[in-house]
Amino acid sequence: MYVGTLSFDLLLGDVRSLKEKRSVVRPIVAELHRKYAVSVAEVGEQDLHRRATIGLAVVSGDTGHLTDVLDRCERLVAARPEVELLSVRRRIHGDHDD
């Protein structure tokens, strides 16, 4: 069993309130969940208007499939015009990890 995680650090465009922030972040989270069946949520920077951290996790029995899903998720977020992807942190955990 392998677990892959991604953490996206995002800079949001012209957002002036937490309500506007939610209107940008929620569709991204929903699309990732719907398209790729990953567990995903906003996990950080909830009190800042123009920053967001989105985390996601995938479980698979095959590292090739896992890497493919993580790559697709990263491309989807990077292609969103309303956010700037500042950084991505990727980790893959397997049965051999302590």
PDB file of N, CA and C in Angstrom:
ATOM      1  N   MET A   1       0.841  -1.174   0.000  1.00  0.00           N
ATOM      2  CA  MET A   1       0.000   0.000   0.000  1.00  0.00           C
ATOM      3  C   MET A   1       0.886   1.237   0.000  1.00  0.00           C
ATOM      4  N   TYR A   2       0.498   2.213  -0.790  1.00  0.00           N
ATOM      5  CA  TYR A   2       1.216   3.476  -0.870  1.00  0.00           C
ATOM      6  C   TYR A   2       0.238   4.624  -0.652  1.00  0.00           C
ATOM      7  N   VAL A   3       0.718   5.641   0.052  1.00  0.00           N
ATOM      8  CA  VAL A   3      -0.067   6.852   0.284  1.00  0.00           C
ATOM      9  C   VAL A   3       0.733   8.018  -0.260  1.00  0.00           C
ATOM     10  N   GLY A   4       0.111   8.783  -1.147  1.00  0.00           N
ATOM     11  CA  GLY A   4       0.751   9.972  -1.696  1.00  0.00           C
ATOM     12  C   GLY A   4       0.041  11.205  -1.201  1.00  0.00           C
ATOM     13  N   THR A   5       0.816  12.231  -0.877  1.00  0.00           N
ATOM     14  CA  THR A   5       0.225  13.487  -0.423  1.00  0.00           C
ATOM     15  C   THR A   5       0.808  14.644  -1.206  1.00  0.00           C
ATOM     16  N   LEU A   6      -0.003  15.658  -1.391  1.00  0.00           N
ATOM     17  CA  LEU A   6       0.426  16.922  -1.983  1.00  0.00           C
ATOM     18  C   LEU A   6      -0.046  18.039  -1.071  1.00  0.00           C
ATOM     19  N   SER A   7       0.774  19.060  -0.945  1.00  0.00           N
ATOM     20  CA  SER A   7       0.389  20.265  -0.228  1.00  0.00           C
ATOM     21  C   SER A   7       0.680  21.442  -1.153  1.00  0.00           C
ATOM     22  N   PHE A   8      -0.361  22.191  -1.504  1.00  0.00           N
ATOM     23  CA  PHE A   8      -0.233  23.331  -2.404  1.00  0.00           C
ATOM     24  C   PHE A   8      -0.259  24.627  -1.602  1.00  0.00           C
ATOM     25  N   ASP A   9       0.732  25.477  -1.807  1.00  0.00           N
ATOM     26  CA  ASP A   9       0.753  26.818  -1.223  1.00  0.00           C
ATOM     27  C   ASP A   9       0.312  27.768  -2.336  1.00  0.00           C
ATOM     28  N   LEU A  10      -0.838  28.421  -2.147  1.00  0.00           N
ATOM     29  CA  LEU A  10      -1.431  29.238  -3.199  1.00  0.00           C
ATOM     30  C   LEU A  10      -1.489  30.704  -2.812  1.00  0.00           C
ATOM     31  N   LEU A  11      -1.272  31.555  -3.799  1.00  0.00           N
ATOM     32  CA  LEU A  11      -1.513  32.987  -3.679  1.00  0.00           C
ATOM     33  C   LEU A  11      -2.741  33.274  -4.518  1.00  0.00           C
ATOM     34  N   LEU A  12      -3.767  33.825  -3.880  1.00  0.00           N
ATOM     35  CA  LEU A  12      -5.020  34.095  -4.568  1.00  0.00           C
ATOM     36  C   LEU A  12      -4.959  35.468  -5.217  1.00  0.00           C
ATOM     37  N   GLY A  13      -5.747  35.643  -6.247  1.00  0.00           N
ATOM     38  CA  GLY A  13      -5.771  36.916  -6.976  1.00  0.00           C
ATOM     39  C   GLY A  13      -6.366  38.036  -6.139  1.00  0.00           C
ATOM     40  N   ASP A  14      -7.230  38.820  -6.739  1.00  0.00           N
ATOM     41  CA  ASP A  14      -7.827  39.995  -6.107  1.00  0.00           C
ATOM     42  C   ASP A  14      -8.936  39.571  -5.151  1.00  0.00           C
ATOM     43  N   VAL A  15      -8.555  39.107  -3.978  1.00  0.00           N
ATOM     44  CA  VAL A  15      -9.492  38.625  -2.965  1.00  0.00           C
ATOM     45  C   VAL A  15      -9.412  39.570  -1.781  1.00  0.00           C
ATOM     46  N   ARG A  16     -10.585  40.081  -1.374  1.00  0.00           N
ATOM     47  CA  ARG A  16     -10.601  41.067  -0.288  1.00  0.00           C
ATOM     48  C   ARG A  16     -11.314  40.600   0.971  1.00  0.00           C
ATOM     49  N   SER A  17     -11.863  39.397   0.940  1.00  0.00           N
ATOM     50  CA  SER A  17     -12.568  38.909   2.124  1.00  0.00           C
ATOM     51  C   SER A  17     -12.459  37.391   2.184  1.00  0.00           C
ATOM     52  N   LEU A  18     -12.764  36.842   3.346  1.00  0.00           N
ATOM     53  CA  LEU A  18     -12.750  35.390   3.490  1.00  0.00           C
ATOM     54  C   LEU A  18     -13.856  34.747   2.656  1.00  0.00           C
ATOM     55  N   LYS A  19     -14.966  35.463   2.468  1.00  0.00           N
ATOM     56  CA  LYS A  19     -16.044  34.956   1.625  1.00  0.00           C
ATOM     57  C   LYS A  19     -15.578  34.829   0.174  1.00  0.00           C
ATOM     58  N   GLU A  20     -14.871  35.824  -0.338  1.00  0.00           N
ATOM     59  CA  GLU A  20     -14.311  35.753  -1.694  1.00  0.00           C
ATOM     60  C   GLU A  20     -13.277  34.638  -1.790  1.00  0.00           C
ATOM     61  N   LYS A  21     -12.489  34.463  -0.738  1.00  0.00           N
ATOM     62  CA  LYS A  21     -11.497  33.392  -0.718  1.00  0.00           C
ATOM     63  C   LYS A  21     -12.168  32.035  -0.855  1.00  0.00           C
ATOM     64  N   ARG A  22     -13.245  31.816  -0.091  1.00  0.00           N
ATOM     65  CA  ARG A  22     -13.979  30.557  -0.182  1.00  0.00           C
ATOM     66  C   ARG A  22     -14.509  30.314  -1.591  1.00  0.00           C
ATOM     67  N   SER A  23     -14.918  31.391  -2.271  1.00  0.00           N
ATOM     68  CA  SER A  23     -15.464  31.239  -3.623  1.00  0.00           C
ATOM     69  C   SER A  23     -14.382  30.855  -4.635  1.00  0.00           C
ATOM     70  N   VAL A  24     -13.124  31.031  -4.292  1.00  0.00           N
ATOM     71  CA  VAL A  24     -12.016  30.612  -5.145  1.00  0.00           C
ATOM     72  C   VAL A  24     -11.535  29.209  -4.756  1.00  0.00           C
ATOM     73  N   VAL A  25     -11.400  28.959  -3.464  1.00  0.00           N
ATOM     74  CA  VAL A  25     -10.819  27.706  -2.982  1.00  0.00           C
ATOM     75  C   VAL A  25     -11.791  26.528  -3.103  1.00  0.00           C
ATOM     76  N   ARG A  26     -13.042  26.728  -2.770  1.00  0.00           N
ATOM     77  CA  ARG A  26     -14.014  25.624  -2.790  1.00  0.00           C
ATOM     78  C   ARG A  26     -14.137  24.930  -4.144  1.00  0.00           C
ATOM     79  N   PRO A  27     -14.229  25.678  -5.249  1.00  0.00           N
ATOM     80  CA  PRO A  27     -14.320  24.991  -6.547  1.00  0.00           C
ATOM     81  C   PRO A  27     -13.086  24.158  -6.885  1.00  0.00           C
ATOM     82  N   ILE A  28     -11.921  24.594  -6.462  1.00  0.00           N
ATOM     83  CA  ILE A  28     -10.691  23.829  -6.705  1.00  0.00           C
ATOM     84  C   ILE A  28     -10.739  22.525  -5.919  1.00  0.00           C
ATOM     85  N   VAL A  29     -11.088  22.616  -4.651  1.00  0.00           N
ATOM     86  CA  VAL A  29     -11.186  21.434  -3.795  1.00  0.00           C
ATOM     87  C   VAL A  29     -12.229  20.466  -4.356  1.00  0.00           C
ATOM     88  N   ALA A  30     -13.379  20.991  -4.754  1.00  0.00           N
ATOM     89  CA  ALA A  30     -14.454  20.139  -5.284  1.00  0.00           C
ATOM     90  C   ALA A  30     -14.048  19.454  -6.587  1.00  0.00           C
ATOM     91  N   GLU A  31     -13.372  20.179  -7.470  1.00  0.00           N
ATOM     92  CA  GLU A  31     -12.963  19.585  -8.741  1.00  0.00           C
ATOM     93  C   GLU A  31     -11.921  18.484  -8.546  1.00  0.00           C
ATOM     94  N   LEU A  32     -10.960  18.709  -7.662  1.00  0.00           N
ATOM     95  CA  LEU A  32      -9.964  17.679  -7.375  1.00  0.00           C
ATOM     96  C   LEU A  32     -10.641  16.414  -6.841  1.00  0.00           C
ATOM     97  N   HIS A  33     -11.574  16.589  -5.925  1.00  0.00           N
ATOM     98  CA  HIS A  33     -12.277  15.441  -5.341  1.00  0.00           C
ATOM     99  C   HIS A  33     -13.109  14.710  -6.395  1.00  0.00           C
ATOM    100  N   ARG A  34     -13.835  15.472  -7.194  1.00  0.00           N
ATOM    101  CA  ARG A  34     -14.723  14.873  -8.188  1.00  0.00           C
ATOM    102  C   ARG A  34     -13.960  14.175  -9.308  1.00  0.00           C
ATOM    103  N   LYS A  35     -12.935  14.817  -9.833  1.00  0.00           N
ATOM    104  CA  LYS A  35     -12.204  14.265 -10.981  1.00  0.00           C
ATOM    105  C   LYS A  35     -11.295  13.103 -10.620  1.00  0.00           C
ATOM    106  N   TYR A  36     -10.660  13.171  -9.464  1.00  0.00           N
ATOM    107  CA  TYR A  36      -9.609  12.205  -9.146  1.00  0.00           C
ATOM    108  C   TYR A  36      -9.880  11.356  -7.911  1.00  0.00           C
ATOM    109  N   ALA A  37     -11.029  11.514  -7.282  1.00  0.00           N
ATOM    110  CA  ALA A  37     -11.412  10.724  -6.104  1.00  0.00           C
ATOM    111  C   ALA A  37     -10.339  10.742  -5.014  1.00  0.00           C
ATOM    112  N   VAL A  38      -9.798  11.929  -4.756  1.00  0.00           N
ATOM    113  CA  VAL A  38      -8.788  12.097  -3.716  1.00  0.00           C
ATOM    114  C   VAL A  38      -9.446  12.718  -2.487  1.00  0.00           C
ATOM    115  N   SER A  39      -8.812  12.549  -1.350  1.00  0.00           N
ATOM    116  CA  SER A  39      -9.229  13.254  -0.141  1.00  0.00           C
ATOM    117  C   SER A  39      -8.531  14.608  -0.168  1.00  0.00           C
ATOM    118  N   VAL A  40      -9.300  15.676  -0.092  1.00  0.00           N
ATOM    119  CA  VAL A  40      -8.727  17.012  -0.266  1.00  0.00           C
ATOM    120  C   VAL A  40      -9.469  18.020   0.601  1.00  0.00           C
ATOM    121  N   ALA A  41      -8.706  19.000   1.132  1.00  0.00           N
ATOM    122  CA  ALA A  41      -9.301  20.037   1.977  1.00  0.00           C
ATOM    123  C   ALA A  41      -8.357  21.227   2.048  1.00  0.00           C
ATOM    124  N   GLU A  42      -8.919  22.370   2.405  1.00  0.00           N
ATOM    125  CA  GLU A  42      -8.085  23.523   2.744  1.00  0.00           C
ATOM    126  C   GLU A  42      -7.532  23.245   4.135  1.00  0.00           C
ATOM    127  N   VAL A  43      -6.214  23.262   4.271  1.00  0.00           N
ATOM    128  CA  VAL A  43      -5.598  22.825   5.519  1.00  0.00           C
ATOM    129  C   VAL A  43      -4.763  23.891   6.217  1.00  0.00           C
ATOM    130  N   GLY A  44      -4.661  25.065   5.625  1.00  0.00           N
ATOM    131  CA  GLY A  44      -3.853  26.094   6.265  1.00  0.00           C
ATOM    132  C   GLY A  44      -4.151  27.469   5.725  1.00  0.00           C
ATOM    133  N   GLU A  45      -3.691  28.466   6.441  1.00  0.00           N
ATOM    134  CA  GLU A  45      -3.848  29.873   6.064  1.00  0.00           C
ATOM    135  C   GLU A  45      -5.318  30.281   6.006  1.00  0.00           C
ATOM    136  N   GLN A  46      -6.171  29.667   6.817  1.00  0.00           N
ATOM    137  CA  GLN A  46      -7.602  29.963   6.758  1.00  0.00           C
ATOM    138  C   GLN A  46      -7.954  31.392   7.150  1.00  0.00           C
ATOM    139  N   ASP A  47      -7.092  32.046   7.922  1.00  0.00           N
ATOM    140  CA  ASP A  47      -7.400  33.407   8.372  1.00  0.00           C
ATOM    141  C   ASP A  47      -6.825  34.494   7.464  1.00  0.00           C
ATOM    142  N   LEU A  48      -6.111  34.116   6.408  1.00  0.00           N
ATOM    143  CA  LEU A  48      -5.539  35.092   5.482  1.00  0.00           C
ATOM    144  C   LEU A  48      -6.381  35.146   4.209  1.00  0.00           C
ATOM    145  N   HIS A  49      -6.633  36.339   3.706  1.00  0.00           N
ATOM    146  CA  HIS A  49      -7.484  36.507   2.525  1.00  0.00           C
ATOM    147  C   HIS A  49      -6.835  36.013   1.238  1.00  0.00           C
ATOM    148  N   ARG A  50      -5.577  36.277   1.047  1.00  0.00           N
ATOM    149  CA  ARG A  50      -4.946  36.024  -0.250  1.00  0.00           C
ATOM    150  C   ARG A  50      -4.062  34.794  -0.291  1.00  0.00           C
ATOM    151  N   ARG A  51      -4.008  34.026   0.776  1.00  0.00           N
ATOM    152  CA  ARG A  51      -3.195  32.811   0.810  1.00  0.00           C
ATOM    153  C   ARG A  51      -4.062  31.630   1.179  1.00  0.00           C
ATOM    154  N   ALA A  52      -3.696  30.462   0.638  1.00  0.00           N
ATOM    155  CA  ALA A  52      -4.412  29.232   0.972  1.00  0.00           C
ATOM    156  C   ALA A  52      -3.444  28.068   0.878  1.00  0.00           C
ATOM    157  N   THR A  53      -3.648  27.085   1.718  1.00  0.00           N
ATOM    158  CA  THR A  53      -2.920  25.827   1.629  1.00  0.00           C
ATOM    159  C   THR A  53      -3.953  24.726   1.460  1.00  0.00           C
ATOM    160  N   ILE A  54      -3.802  23.976   0.375  1.00  0.00           N
ATOM    161  CA  ILE A  54      -4.697  22.862   0.093  1.00  0.00           C
ATOM    162  C   ILE A  54      -3.882  21.579   0.200  1.00  0.00           C
ATOM    163  N   GLY A  55      -4.399  20.611   0.936  1.00  0.00           N
ATOM    164  CA  GLY A  55      -3.737  19.322   1.074  1.00  0.00           C
ATOM    165  C   GLY A  55      -4.594  18.225   0.492  1.00  0.00           C
ATOM    166  N   LEU A  56      -3.931  17.228  -0.097  1.00  0.00           N
ATOM    167  CA  LEU A  56      -4.685  16.087  -0.615  1.00  0.00           C
ATOM    168  C   LEU A  56      -3.904  14.810  -0.390  1.00  0.00           C
ATOM    169  N   ALA A  57      -4.648  13.700  -0.368  1.00  0.00           N
ATOM    170  CA  ALA A  57      -4.050  12.385  -0.155  1.00  0.00           C
ATOM    171  C   ALA A  57      -4.701  11.370  -1.079  1.00  0.00           C
ATOM    172  N   VAL A  58      -3.880  10.395  -1.520  1.00  0.00           N
ATOM    173  CA  VAL A  58      -4.329   9.323  -2.403  1.00  0.00           C
ATOM    174  C   VAL A  58      -3.744   8.021  -1.867  1.00  0.00           C
ATOM    175  N   VAL A  59      -4.534   6.958  -1.906  1.00  0.00           N
ATOM    176  CA  VAL A  59      -4.070   5.637  -1.510  1.00  0.00           C
ATOM    177  C   VAL A  59      -4.136   4.739  -2.733  1.00  0.00           C
ATOM    178  N   SER A  60      -3.048   3.959  -2.958  1.00  0.00           N
ATOM    179  CA  SER A  60      -3.013   3.058  -4.111  1.00  0.00           C
ATOM    180  C   SER A  60      -2.097   1.881  -3.797  1.00  0.00           C
ATOM    181  N   GLY A  61      -2.299   0.808  -4.513  1.00  0.00           N
ATOM    182  CA  GLY A  61      -1.428  -0.356  -4.384  1.00  0.00           C
ATOM    183  C   GLY A  61      -0.268  -0.316  -5.355  1.00  0.00           C
ATOM    184  N   ASP A  62      -0.254   0.701  -6.227  1.00  0.00           N
ATOM    185  CA  ASP A  62       0.731   0.796  -7.294  1.00  0.00           C
ATOM    186  C   ASP A  62       1.324   2.206  -7.324  1.00  0.00           C
ATOM    187  N   THR A  63       2.654   2.316  -7.248  1.00  0.00           N
ATOM    188  CA  THR A  63       3.277   3.639  -7.237  1.00  0.00           C
ATOM    189  C   THR A  63       3.112   4.360  -8.578  1.00  0.00           C
ATOM    190  N   GLY A  64       3.024   3.616  -9.674  1.00  0.00           N
ATOM    191  CA  GLY A  64       2.822   4.250 -10.976  1.00  0.00           C
ATOM    192  C   GLY A  64       1.499   4.979 -11.044  1.00  0.00           C
ATOM    193  N   HIS A  65       0.446   4.315 -10.602  1.00  0.00           N
ATOM    194  CA  HIS A  65      -0.876   4.937 -10.572  1.00  0.00           C
ATOM    195  C   HIS A  65      -0.893   6.120  -9.617  1.00  0.00           C
ATOM    196  N   LEU A  66      -0.269   5.950  -8.469  1.00  0.00           N
ATOM    197  CA  LEU A  66      -0.206   7.008  -7.470  1.00  0.00           C
ATOM    198  C   LEU A  66       0.466   8.248  -8.034  1.00  0.00           C
ATOM    199  N   THR A  67       1.600   8.069  -8.664  1.00  0.00           N
ATOM    200  CA  THR A  67       2.338   9.191  -9.250  1.00  0.00           C
ATOM    201  C   THR A  67       1.530   9.870 -10.349  1.00  0.00           C
ATOM    202  N   ASP A  68       0.836   9.084 -11.158  1.00  0.00           N
ATOM    203  CA  ASP A  68       0.006   9.635 -12.227  1.00  0.00           C
ATOM    204  C   ASP A  68      -1.101  10.522 -11.664  1.00  0.00           C
ATOM    205  N   VAL A  69      -1.786  10.064 -10.617  1.00  0.00           N
ATOM    206  CA  VAL A  69      -2.859  10.852 -10.010  1.00  0.00           C
ATOM    207  C   VAL A  69      -2.301  12.134  -9.399  1.00  0.00           C
ATOM    208  N   LEU A  70      -1.180  12.044  -8.701  1.00  0.00           N
ATOM    209  CA  LEU A  70      -0.575  13.236  -8.100  1.00  0.00           C
ATOM    210  C   LEU A  70      -0.151  14.235  -9.174  1.00  0.00           C
ATOM    211  N   ASP A  71       0.418  13.759 -10.267  1.00  0.00           N
ATOM    212  CA  ASP A  71       0.809  14.639 -11.377  1.00  0.00           C
ATOM    213  C   ASP A  71      -0.402  15.358 -11.959  1.00  0.00           C
ATOM    214  N   ARG A  72      -1.490  14.620 -12.164  1.00  0.00           N
ATOM    215  CA  ARG A  72      -2.705  15.221 -12.736  1.00  0.00           C
ATOM    216  C   ARG A  72      -3.288  16.280 -11.800  1.00  0.00           C
ATOM    217  N   CYS A  73      -3.293  15.998 -10.515  1.00  0.00           N
ATOM    218  CA  CYS A  73      -3.793  16.969  -9.544  1.00  0.00           C
ATOM    219  C   CYS A  73      -2.940  18.236  -9.545  1.00  0.00           C
ATOM    220  N   GLU A  74      -1.639  18.055  -9.592  1.00  0.00           N
ATOM    221  CA  GLU A  74      -0.742  19.210  -9.606  1.00  0.00           C
ATOM    222  C   GLU A  74      -0.954  20.059 -10.862  1.00  0.00           C
ATOM    223  N   ARG A  75      -1.106  19.413 -12.010  1.00  0.00           N
ATOM    224  CA  ARG A  75      -1.350  20.148 -13.259  1.00  0.00           C
ATOM    225  C   ARG A  75      -2.674  20.910 -13.210  1.00  0.00           C
ATOM    226  N   LEU A  76      -3.696  20.296 -12.629  1.00  0.00           N
ATOM    227  CA  LEU A  76      -4.996  20.959 -12.536  1.00  0.00           C
ATOM    228  C   LEU A  76      -4.892  22.248 -11.726  1.00  0.00           C
ATOM    229  N   VAL A  77      -4.245  22.180 -10.575  1.00  0.00           N
ATOM    230  CA  VAL A  77      -4.119  23.372  -9.724  1.00  0.00           C
ATOM    231  C   VAL A  77      -3.234  24.423 -10.400  1.00  0.00           C
ATOM    232  N   ALA A  78      -2.142  23.997 -11.008  1.00  0.00           N
ATOM    233  CA  ALA A  78      -1.233  24.947 -11.662  1.00  0.00           C
ATOM    234  C   ALA A  78      -1.899  25.662 -12.832  1.00  0.00           C
ATOM    235  N   ALA A  79      -2.879  25.029 -13.461  1.00  0.00           N
ATOM    236  CA  ALA A  79      -3.546  25.611 -14.627  1.00  0.00           C
ATOM    237  C   ALA A  79      -4.660  26.592 -14.259  1.00  0.00           C
ATOM    238  N   ARG A  80      -5.015  26.675 -12.995  1.00  0.00           N
ATOM    239  CA  ARG A  80      -6.104  27.569 -12.596  1.00  0.00           C
ATOM    240  C   ARG A  80      -5.631  29.016 -12.681  1.00  0.00           C
ATOM    241  N   PRO A  81      -6.290  29.848 -13.488  1.00  0.00           N
ATOM    242  CA  PRO A  81      -5.833  31.224 -13.688  1.00  0.00           C
ATOM    243  C   PRO A  81      -6.057  32.135 -12.484  1.00  0.00           C
ATOM    244  N   GLU A  82      -6.985  31.763 -11.584  1.00  0.00           N
ATOM    245  CA  GLU A  82      -7.299  32.645 -10.466  1.00  0.00           C
ATOM    246  C   GLU A  82      -6.348  32.495  -9.284  1.00  0.00           C
ATOM    247  N   VAL A  83      -5.414  31.542  -9.364  1.00  0.00           N
ATOM    248  CA  VAL A  83      -4.440  31.356  -8.288  1.00  0.00           C
ATOM    249  C   VAL A  83      -3.036  31.251  -8.879  1.00  0.00           C
ATOM    250  N   GLU A  84      -2.078  31.618  -8.041  1.00  0.00           N
ATOM    251  CA  GLU A  84      -0.668  31.416  -8.388  1.00  0.00           C
ATOM    252  C   GLU A  84      -0.139  30.328  -7.465  1.00  0.00           C
ATOM    253  N   LEU A  85       0.403  29.284  -8.070  1.00  0.00           N
ATOM    254  CA  LEU A  85       0.941  28.167  -7.306  1.00  0.00           C
ATOM    255  C   LEU A  85       2.353  28.533  -6.853  1.00  0.00           C
ATOM    256  N   LEU A  86       2.523  28.795  -5.563  1.00  0.00           N
ATOM    257  CA  LEU A  86       3.817  29.215  -5.033  1.00  0.00           C
ATOM    258  C   LEU A  86       4.739  28.032  -4.797  1.00  0.00           C
ATOM    259  N   SER A  87       4.184  26.941  -4.264  1.00  0.00           N
ATOM    260  CA  SER A  87       5.004  25.753  -4.040  1.00  0.00           C
ATOM    261  C   SER A  87       4.113  24.531  -3.899  1.00  0.00           C
ATOM    262  N   VAL A  88       4.731  23.373  -4.144  1.00  0.00           N
ATOM    263  CA  VAL A  88       4.058  22.095  -3.989  1.00  0.00           C
ATOM    264  C   VAL A  88       4.988  21.187  -3.201  1.00  0.00           C
ATOM    265  N   ARG A  89       4.440  20.529  -2.210  1.00  0.00           N
ATOM    266  CA  ARG A  89       5.230  19.554  -1.447  1.00  0.00           C
ATOM    267  C   ARG A  89       4.604  18.186  -1.678  1.00  0.00           C
ATOM    268  N   ARG A  90       5.399  17.258  -2.173  1.00  0.00           N
ATOM    269  CA  ARG A  90       4.924  15.915  -2.516  1.00  0.00           C
ATOM    270  C   ARG A  90       5.644  14.897  -1.637  1.00  0.00           C
ATOM    271  N   ARG A  91       4.858  13.955  -1.127  1.00  0.00           N
ATOM    272  CA  ARG A  91       5.432  12.851  -0.357  1.00  0.00           C
ATOM    273  C   ARG A  91       4.734  11.564  -0.750  1.00  0.00           C
ATOM    274  N   ILE A  92       5.516  10.482  -0.787  1.00  0.00           N
ATOM    275  CA  ILE A  92       4.969   9.159  -1.024  1.00  0.00           C
ATOM    276  C   ILE A  92       5.440   8.254   0.104  1.00  0.00           C
ATOM    277  N   HIS A  93       4.484   7.651   0.781  1.00  0.00           N
ATOM    278  CA  HIS A  93       4.769   6.773   1.910  1.00  0.00           C
ATOM    279  C   HIS A  93       4.388   5.350   1.526  1.00  0.00           C
ATOM    280  N   GLY A  94       5.234   4.392   1.874  1.00  0.00           N
ATOM    281  CA  GLY A  94       4.945   2.995   1.571  1.00  0.00           C
ATOM    282  C   GLY A  94       5.036   2.119   2.795  1.00  0.00           C
ATOM    283  N   ASP A  95       4.771   0.840   2.618  1.00  0.00           N
ATOM    284  CA  ASP A  95       4.819  -0.114   3.732  1.00  0.00           C
ATOM    285  C   ASP A  95       6.203  -0.193   4.365  1.00  0.00           C
ATOM    286  N   HIS A  96       7.231   0.114   3.600  1.00  0.00           N
ATOM    287  CA  HIS A  96       8.601   0.015   4.094  1.00  0.00           C
ATOM    288  C   HIS A  96       8.982   1.186   4.993  1.00  0.00           C
ATOM    289  N   ASP A  97       8.156   2.257   5.027  1.00  0.00           N
ATOM    290  CA  ASP A  97       8.454   3.423   5.868  1.00  0.00           C
ATOM    291  C   ASP A  97       8.239   3.087   7.330  1.00  0.00           C
ATOM    292  N   ASP A  98       9.054   3.694   8.185  1.00  0.00           N
ATOM    293  CA  ASP A  98       8.878   3.504   9.634  1.00  0.00           C
ATOM    294  C   ASP A  98       8.136   4.675  10.236  1.00  0.00           C
TER     295      ASP A  98
END
